[in-house]
Amino acid sequence: MPQPGRQEDVPEVRKLSPTTLRKRISDDGAVVVRLLYTVQEAADSLSIGLTKMYELLAIGAVRSIKIGTARRIEPTALAEYIEAQAQAWL
């Protein structure tokens, strides 16, 4: 039986899929939807690397906001980027 506070009791966020990160079930059964993504979560959602994600942010291809020193990306900004890329191929 695992001991409380041991390593195996702590879920590793890195192993969760982007979908799991966006929607979590709270202890009371409510679905919690993420309003903002970290740069890593946004990159994972687009199936691109972190360097490419920072490049897209730097050139303004994906909108982002800053909260203190943290950069966050709205889901709508990712959807807009995907739509723009789809239109570019038409």
C-alpha atoms as a PDB file:
ATOM      1  CA  MET A   1       0.000   0.000   0.000  1.00  0.00           C
ATOM      2  CA  PRO A   2       1.464   3.401  -1.000  1.00  0.00           C
ATOM      3  CA  GLN A   3       2.458   5.800   1.732  1.00  0.00           C
ATOM      4  CA  PRO A   4       0.816   9.280   1.651  1.00  0.00           C
ATOM      5  CA  GLY A   5       3.025  11.908   0.032  1.00  0.00           C
ATOM      6  CA  ARG A   6       5.224   9.386  -1.765  1.00  0.00           C
ATOM      7  CA  GLN A   7       6.297   9.943  -5.370  1.00  0.00           C
ATOM      8  CA  GLU A   8       3.802   7.456  -6.868  1.00  0.00           C
ATOM      9  CA  ASP A   9       0.887   9.384  -5.300  1.00  0.00           C
ATOM     10  CA  VAL A  10       1.642  12.521  -7.329  1.00  0.00           C
ATOM     11  CA  PRO A  11       0.327  12.455 -10.921  1.00  0.00           C
ATOM     12  CA  GLU A  12       2.824  13.639 -13.502  1.00  0.00           C
ATOM     13  CA  VAL A  13       1.275  16.453 -15.533  1.00  0.00           C
ATOM     14  CA  ARG A  14       3.801  15.862 -18.318  1.00  0.00           C
ATOM     15  CA  LYS A  15       2.170  12.485 -19.020  1.00  0.00           C
ATOM     16  CA  LEU A  16      -1.327  13.940 -19.445  1.00  0.00           C
ATOM     17  CA  SER A  17      -2.599  14.650 -22.939  1.00  0.00           C
ATOM     18  CA  PRO A  18      -3.496  18.229 -23.965  1.00  0.00           C
ATOM     19  CA  THR A  19      -7.185  17.253 -23.884  1.00  0.00           C
ATOM     20  CA  THR A  20      -6.831  16.029 -20.324  1.00  0.00           C
ATOM     21  CA  LEU A  21      -5.044  19.242 -19.395  1.00  0.00           C
ATOM     22  CA  ARG A  22      -7.826  21.371 -20.862  1.00  0.00           C
ATOM     23  CA  LYS A  23     -10.703  19.580 -19.152  1.00  0.00           C
ATOM     24  CA  ARG A  24     -10.320  18.143 -15.689  1.00  0.00           C
ATOM     25  CA  ILE A  25     -12.932  16.673 -13.389  1.00  0.00           C
ATOM     26  CA  SER A  26     -12.839  18.265  -9.952  1.00  0.00           C
ATOM     27  CA  ASP A  27     -13.437  16.353  -6.727  1.00  0.00           C
ATOM     28  CA  ASP A  28     -17.116  17.333  -6.752  1.00  0.00           C
ATOM     29  CA  GLY A  29     -17.572  16.034 -10.324  1.00  0.00           C
ATOM     30  CA  ALA A  30     -17.606  19.421 -12.068  1.00  0.00           C
ATOM     31  CA  VAL A  31     -15.738  19.820 -15.357  1.00  0.00           C
ATOM     32  CA  VAL A  32     -13.056  22.500 -15.078  1.00  0.00           C
ATOM     33  CA  VAL A  33     -12.126  24.081 -18.419  1.00  0.00           C
ATOM     34  CA  ARG A  34      -8.795  25.868 -18.833  1.00  0.00           C
ATOM     35  CA  LEU A  35      -9.152  29.475 -19.995  1.00  0.00           C
ATOM     36  CA  LEU A  36      -5.470  29.991 -20.780  1.00  0.00           C
ATOM     37  CA  TYR A  37      -2.644  27.709 -21.847  1.00  0.00           C
ATOM     38  CA  THR A  38       1.031  27.873 -21.031  1.00  0.00           C
ATOM     39  CA  VAL A  39       3.368  28.094 -24.015  1.00  0.00           C
ATOM     40  CA  GLN A  40       4.180  24.386 -23.583  1.00  0.00           C
ATOM     41  CA  GLU A  41       0.486  23.414 -23.490  1.00  0.00           C
ATOM     42  CA  ALA A  42      -0.196  25.506 -26.596  1.00  0.00           C
ATOM     43  CA  ALA A  43       2.735  23.870 -28.403  1.00  0.00           C
ATOM     44  CA  ASP A  44       1.464  20.431 -27.380  1.00  0.00           C
ATOM     45  CA  SER A  45      -2.029  21.336 -28.628  1.00  0.00           C
ATOM     46  CA  LEU A  46      -0.612  22.254 -32.039  1.00  0.00           C
ATOM     47  CA  SER A  47       1.739  19.234 -32.043  1.00  0.00           C
ATOM     48  CA  ILE A  48       4.775  21.454 -32.524  1.00  0.00           C
ATOM     49  CA  GLY A  49       7.938  22.014 -30.541  1.00  0.00           C
ATOM     50  CA  LEU A  50       8.468  24.690 -27.940  1.00  0.00           C
ATOM     51  CA  THR A  51      11.000  26.555 -30.103  1.00  0.00           C
ATOM     52  CA  LYS A  52       8.522  26.766 -33.004  1.00  0.00           C
ATOM     53  CA  MET A  53       5.797  27.953 -30.605  1.00  0.00           C
ATOM     54  CA  TYR A  54       8.018  30.773 -29.334  1.00  0.00           C
ATOM     55  CA  GLU A  55       8.805  31.669 -32.953  1.00  0.00           C
ATOM     56  CA  LEU A  56       5.076  31.930 -33.752  1.00  0.00           C
ATOM     57  CA  LEU A  57       4.589  34.148 -30.706  1.00  0.00           C
ATOM     58  CA  ALA A  58       7.560  36.349 -31.631  1.00  0.00           C
ATOM     59  CA  ILE A  59       6.321  37.028 -35.168  1.00  0.00           C
ATOM     60  CA  GLY A  60       2.757  37.621 -33.976  1.00  0.00           C
ATOM     61  CA  ALA A  61       1.263  34.605 -35.742  1.00  0.00           C
ATOM     62  CA  VAL A  62      -0.291  33.502 -32.437  1.00  0.00           C
ATOM     63  CA  ARG A  63      -1.667  36.086 -30.016  1.00  0.00           C
ATOM     64  CA  SER A  64      -0.684  35.852 -26.370  1.00  0.00           C
ATOM     65  CA  ILE A  65      -0.964  37.806 -23.142  1.00  0.00           C
ATOM     66  CA  LYS A  66       1.404  38.329 -20.266  1.00  0.00           C
ATOM     67  CA  ILE A  67       0.461  37.925 -16.630  1.00  0.00           C
ATOM     68  CA  GLY A  68       3.438  39.239 -14.707  1.00  0.00           C
ATOM     69  CA  THR A  69       6.352  37.438 -16.337  1.00  0.00           C
ATOM     70  CA  ALA A  70       4.244  34.475 -17.499  1.00  0.00           C
ATOM     71  CA  ARG A  71       3.075  34.261 -21.101  1.00  0.00           C
ATOM     72  CA  ARG A  72      -0.324  32.665 -21.695  1.00  0.00           C
ATOM     73  CA  ILE A  73      -2.286  31.804 -24.836  1.00  0.00           C
ATOM     74  CA  GLU A  74      -6.059  31.824 -25.199  1.00  0.00           C
ATOM     75  CA  PRO A  75      -7.667  28.817 -26.918  1.00  0.00           C
ATOM     76  CA  THR A  76      -9.265  31.238 -29.407  1.00  0.00           C
ATOM     77  CA  ALA A  77      -5.784  32.448 -30.420  1.00  0.00           C
ATOM     78  CA  LEU A  78      -4.849  28.874 -31.338  1.00  0.00           C
ATOM     79  CA  ALA A  79      -8.108  28.440 -33.273  1.00  0.00           C
ATOM     80  CA  GLU A  80      -7.446  31.700 -35.160  1.00  0.00           C
ATOM     81  CA  TYR A  81      -3.935  30.529 -36.064  1.00  0.00           C
ATOM     82  CA  ILE A  82      -5.245  27.187 -37.321  1.00  0.00           C
ATOM     83  CA  GLU A  83      -7.945  28.940 -39.379  1.00  0.00           C
ATOM     84  CA  ALA A  84      -5.388  31.337 -40.876  1.00  0.00           C
ATOM     85  CA  GLN A  85      -3.154  28.406 -41.835  1.00  0.00           C
ATOM     86  CA  ALA A  86      -6.090  26.562 -43.393  1.00  0.00           C
ATOM     87  CA  GLN A  87      -7.055  29.649 -45.436  1.00  0.00           C
ATOM     88  CA  ALA A  88      -3.458  30.058 -46.629  1.00  0.00           C
ATOM     89  CA  TRP A  89      -3.611  26.623 -48.244  1.00  0.00           C
ATOM     90  CA  LEU A  90      -6.838  27.323 -50.182  1.00  0.00           C
END
